[in-house]
Amino acid sequence: METNKTDKTVLAKGLKTLLFAVLCLFSGPILLSLAYSKPNSPFYYPLFIIACAVCILAIFLIFKGIKTIMDSMFNKK
């Protein structure tokens, strides 16, 4: 009978993904607040689009990181 062990390399990859997601979780709202602070600036729309993309990327990376960690724990390849 084979015992399930955590794959360390896949676990490290999942943790790196979650670390990048945390960085995006902080930088997205900061960029949004910068965009909303000066709505008459010529950089309002580009900064707003970038901030929304970073927030969506953070949500995507959270799900991907958790899935990768779960795959490492249950040996799914």
N, C-alpha and C. Protein backbone atom coordinates (compact mmCIF):
# COMPACT_ATOMS: atom_id res chain seq x y z
N MET A 1 0.84 -1.18 0.00
CA MET A 1 0.00 0.00 0.00
C MET A 1 0.89 1.25 0.00
N GLU A 2 0.58 2.16 -0.85
CA GLU A 2 1.38 3.36 -0.99
C GLU A 2 0.85 4.45 -0.08
N THR A 3 1.75 5.12 0.64
CA THR A 3 1.33 6.21 1.51
C THR A 3 1.42 7.53 0.74
N ASN A 4 0.53 8.43 1.05
CA ASN A 4 0.53 9.73 0.39
C ASN A 4 1.50 10.66 1.10
N LYS A 5 2.42 11.22 0.35
CA LYS A 5 3.35 12.20 0.89
C LYS A 5 3.26 13.46 0.06
N THR A 6 3.55 14.56 0.70
CA THR A 6 3.48 15.85 0.02
C THR A 6 4.68 16.02 -0.90
N ASP A 7 4.41 16.42 -2.13
CA ASP A 7 5.47 16.72 -3.08
C ASP A 7 6.00 18.12 -2.77
N LYS A 8 7.24 18.18 -2.31
CA LYS A 8 7.81 19.44 -1.82
C LYS A 8 8.00 20.48 -2.92
N THR A 9 8.36 20.05 -4.12
CA THR A 9 8.59 21.02 -5.19
C THR A 9 7.29 21.66 -5.64
N VAL A 10 6.22 20.87 -5.72
CA VAL A 10 4.92 21.43 -6.12
C VAL A 10 4.38 22.32 -5.01
N LEU A 11 4.62 21.93 -3.76
CA LEU A 11 4.20 22.75 -2.63
C LEU A 11 4.91 24.10 -2.64
N ALA A 12 6.20 24.10 -2.93
CA ALA A 12 6.95 25.36 -3.00
C ALA A 12 6.44 26.24 -4.14
N LYS A 13 6.08 25.62 -5.25
CA LYS A 13 5.53 26.38 -6.37
C LYS A 13 4.20 27.03 -5.98
N GLY A 14 3.37 26.30 -5.25
CA GLY A 14 2.09 26.85 -4.80
C GLY A 14 2.27 27.98 -3.81
N LEU A 15 3.24 27.85 -2.92
CA LEU A 15 3.50 28.91 -1.95
C LEU A 15 4.05 30.16 -2.63
N LYS A 16 4.89 29.98 -3.66
CA LYS A 16 5.38 31.14 -4.42
C LYS A 16 4.23 31.85 -5.13
N THR A 17 3.29 31.07 -5.64
CA THR A 17 2.12 31.67 -6.30
C THR A 17 1.29 32.47 -5.30
N LEU A 18 1.11 31.92 -4.10
CA LEU A 18 0.36 32.64 -3.08
C LEU A 18 1.10 33.88 -2.60
N LEU A 19 2.41 33.83 -2.56
CA LEU A 19 3.19 35.01 -2.18
C LEU A 19 3.01 36.14 -3.20
N PHE A 20 3.05 35.78 -4.48
CA PHE A 20 2.81 36.78 -5.51
C PHE A 20 1.37 37.31 -5.45
N ALA A 21 0.42 36.45 -5.06
CA ALA A 21 -0.97 36.88 -4.91
C ALA A 21 -1.10 37.89 -3.78
N VAL A 22 -0.37 37.69 -2.70
CA VAL A 22 -0.42 38.64 -1.58
C VAL A 22 0.13 39.99 -2.02
N LEU A 23 1.19 39.98 -2.80
CA LEU A 23 1.72 41.25 -3.31
C LEU A 23 0.69 41.96 -4.19
N CYS A 24 -0.01 41.19 -5.00
CA CYS A 24 -1.05 41.78 -5.85
C CYS A 24 -2.25 42.26 -5.02
N LEU A 25 -2.53 41.55 -3.92
CA LEU A 25 -3.63 41.96 -3.06
C LEU A 25 -3.39 43.32 -2.42
N PHE A 26 -2.14 43.64 -2.15
CA PHE A 26 -1.83 44.95 -1.58
C PHE A 26 -1.66 46.02 -2.65
N SER A 27 -1.03 45.68 -3.76
CA SER A 27 -0.74 46.71 -4.77
C SER A 27 -1.99 47.11 -5.56
N GLY A 28 -2.92 46.20 -5.78
CA GLY A 28 -4.15 46.52 -6.52
C GLY A 28 -4.97 47.63 -5.88
N PRO A 29 -5.35 47.49 -4.60
CA PRO A 29 -6.11 48.58 -3.96
C PRO A 29 -5.33 49.88 -3.81
N ILE A 30 -4.01 49.78 -3.65
CA ILE A 30 -3.21 51.01 -3.57
C ILE A 30 -3.27 51.75 -4.90
N LEU A 31 -3.14 51.00 -6.00
CA LEU A 31 -3.24 51.64 -7.32
C LEU A 31 -4.64 52.21 -7.57
N LEU A 32 -5.66 51.50 -7.10
CA LEU A 32 -7.03 52.02 -7.24
C LEU A 32 -7.22 53.31 -6.47
N SER A 33 -6.69 53.38 -5.26
CA SER A 33 -6.83 54.61 -4.48
C SER A 33 -6.05 55.76 -5.12
N LEU A 34 -4.91 55.44 -5.73
CA LEU A 34 -4.17 56.49 -6.45
C LEU A 34 -4.96 56.99 -7.66
N ALA A 35 -5.63 56.09 -8.34
CA ALA A 35 -6.43 56.48 -9.51
C ALA A 35 -7.61 57.34 -9.08
N TYR A 36 -8.27 56.95 -7.99
CA TYR A 36 -9.45 57.70 -7.54
C TYR A 36 -9.09 59.03 -6.89
N SER A 37 -7.86 59.19 -6.45
CA SER A 37 -7.49 60.44 -5.80
C SER A 37 -7.38 61.61 -6.77
N LYS A 38 -7.09 61.31 -8.04
CA LYS A 38 -6.96 62.37 -9.05
C LYS A 38 -7.73 61.99 -10.31
N PRO A 39 -9.05 62.15 -10.29
CA PRO A 39 -9.83 61.72 -11.46
C PRO A 39 -9.65 62.62 -12.68
N ASN A 40 -9.11 63.81 -12.54
CA ASN A 40 -8.92 64.70 -13.68
C ASN A 40 -7.56 64.54 -14.33
N SER A 41 -6.74 63.66 -13.80
CA SER A 41 -5.40 63.43 -14.32
C SER A 41 -5.47 62.67 -15.65
N PRO A 42 -4.52 62.90 -16.55
CA PRO A 42 -4.52 62.14 -17.81
C PRO A 42 -4.18 60.66 -17.61
N PHE A 43 -3.64 60.33 -16.44
CA PHE A 43 -3.29 58.94 -16.15
C PHE A 43 -4.42 58.20 -15.43
N TYR A 44 -5.59 58.80 -15.31
CA TYR A 44 -6.69 58.17 -14.56
C TYR A 44 -7.12 56.85 -15.18
N TYR A 45 -7.45 56.85 -16.46
CA TYR A 45 -7.95 55.63 -17.11
C TYR A 45 -6.90 54.53 -17.23
N PRO A 46 -5.68 54.84 -17.64
CA PRO A 46 -4.68 53.76 -17.68
C PRO A 46 -4.39 53.16 -16.30
N LEU A 47 -4.31 54.03 -15.28
CA LEU A 47 -4.04 53.54 -13.93
C LEU A 47 -5.22 52.74 -13.40
N PHE A 48 -6.43 53.17 -13.72
CA PHE A 48 -7.63 52.45 -13.29
C PHE A 48 -7.68 51.06 -13.93
N ILE A 49 -7.36 50.97 -15.21
CA ILE A 49 -7.39 49.68 -15.91
C ILE A 49 -6.31 48.75 -15.36
N ILE A 50 -5.12 49.29 -15.12
CA ILE A 50 -4.04 48.47 -14.56
C ILE A 50 -4.39 47.99 -13.16
N ALA A 51 -4.99 48.86 -12.35
CA ALA A 51 -5.35 48.48 -10.98
C ALA A 51 -6.42 47.39 -10.98
N CYS A 52 -7.40 47.50 -11.86
CA CYS A 52 -8.43 46.45 -11.95
C CYS A 52 -7.83 45.13 -12.42
N ALA A 53 -6.89 45.19 -13.35
CA ALA A 53 -6.24 43.97 -13.83
C ALA A 53 -5.42 43.32 -12.73
N VAL A 54 -4.75 44.12 -11.90
CA VAL A 54 -3.96 43.57 -10.80
C VAL A 54 -4.88 42.92 -9.76
N CYS A 55 -6.03 43.52 -9.49
CA CYS A 55 -6.97 42.93 -8.54
C CYS A 55 -7.52 41.60 -9.06
N ILE A 56 -7.85 41.55 -10.34
CA ILE A 56 -8.35 40.30 -10.93
C ILE A 56 -7.24 39.25 -10.95
N LEU A 57 -6.01 39.67 -11.22
CA LEU A 57 -4.87 38.75 -11.19
C LEU A 57 -4.67 38.17 -9.79
N ALA A 58 -4.87 38.98 -8.76
CA ALA A 58 -4.71 38.50 -7.38
C ALA A 58 -5.72 37.40 -7.07
N ILE A 59 -6.96 37.59 -7.49
CA ILE A 59 -7.99 36.58 -7.25
C ILE A 59 -7.65 35.29 -8.00
N PHE A 60 -7.21 35.43 -9.24
CA PHE A 60 -6.84 34.25 -10.02
C PHE A 60 -5.67 33.50 -9.38
N LEU A 61 -4.67 34.25 -8.92
CA LEU A 61 -3.49 33.61 -8.33
C LEU A 61 -3.81 32.93 -7.00
N ILE A 62 -4.76 33.45 -6.26
CA ILE A 62 -5.16 32.79 -5.02
C ILE A 62 -5.74 31.42 -5.32
N PHE A 63 -6.66 31.35 -6.27
CA PHE A 63 -7.25 30.07 -6.61
C PHE A 63 -6.22 29.11 -7.18
N LYS A 64 -5.32 29.61 -8.04
CA LYS A 64 -4.31 28.76 -8.63
C LYS A 64 -3.32 28.25 -7.58
N GLY A 65 -2.94 29.11 -6.66
CA GLY A 65 -2.01 28.70 -5.60
C GLY A 65 -2.61 27.66 -4.67
N ILE A 66 -3.86 27.85 -4.28
CA ILE A 66 -4.52 26.88 -3.41
C ILE A 66 -4.68 25.55 -4.13
N LYS A 67 -5.03 25.59 -5.41
CA LYS A 67 -5.17 24.34 -6.18
C LYS A 67 -3.84 23.62 -6.28
N THR A 68 -2.76 24.36 -6.50
CA THR A 68 -1.44 23.75 -6.60
C THR A 68 -1.03 23.12 -5.28
N ILE A 69 -1.30 23.79 -4.17
CA ILE A 69 -0.98 23.22 -2.86
C ILE A 69 -1.79 21.97 -2.59
N MET A 70 -3.06 21.99 -2.94
CA MET A 70 -3.89 20.80 -2.74
C MET A 70 -3.42 19.65 -3.63
N ASP A 71 -3.00 19.96 -4.86
CA ASP A 71 -2.47 18.91 -5.73
C ASP A 71 -1.18 18.31 -5.17
N SER A 72 -0.37 19.12 -4.52
CA SER A 72 0.87 18.59 -3.94
C SER A 72 0.58 17.69 -2.75
N MET A 73 -0.46 17.99 -2.01
CA MET A 73 -0.79 17.17 -0.83
C MET A 73 -1.43 15.85 -1.20
N PHE A 74 -2.19 15.83 -2.28
CA PHE A 74 -2.92 14.62 -2.66
C PHE A 74 -2.34 13.94 -3.88
N ASN A 75 -1.11 14.30 -4.25
CA ASN A 75 -0.35 13.65 -5.34
C ASN A 75 -1.12 13.59 -6.65
N LYS A 76 -1.77 14.65 -7.00
CA LYS A 76 -2.47 14.70 -8.29
C LYS A 76 -1.53 15.29 -9.32
N LYS A 77 -1.35 14.58 -10.43
CA LYS A 77 -0.40 15.06 -11.45
C LYS A 77 -1.09 15.29 -12.76
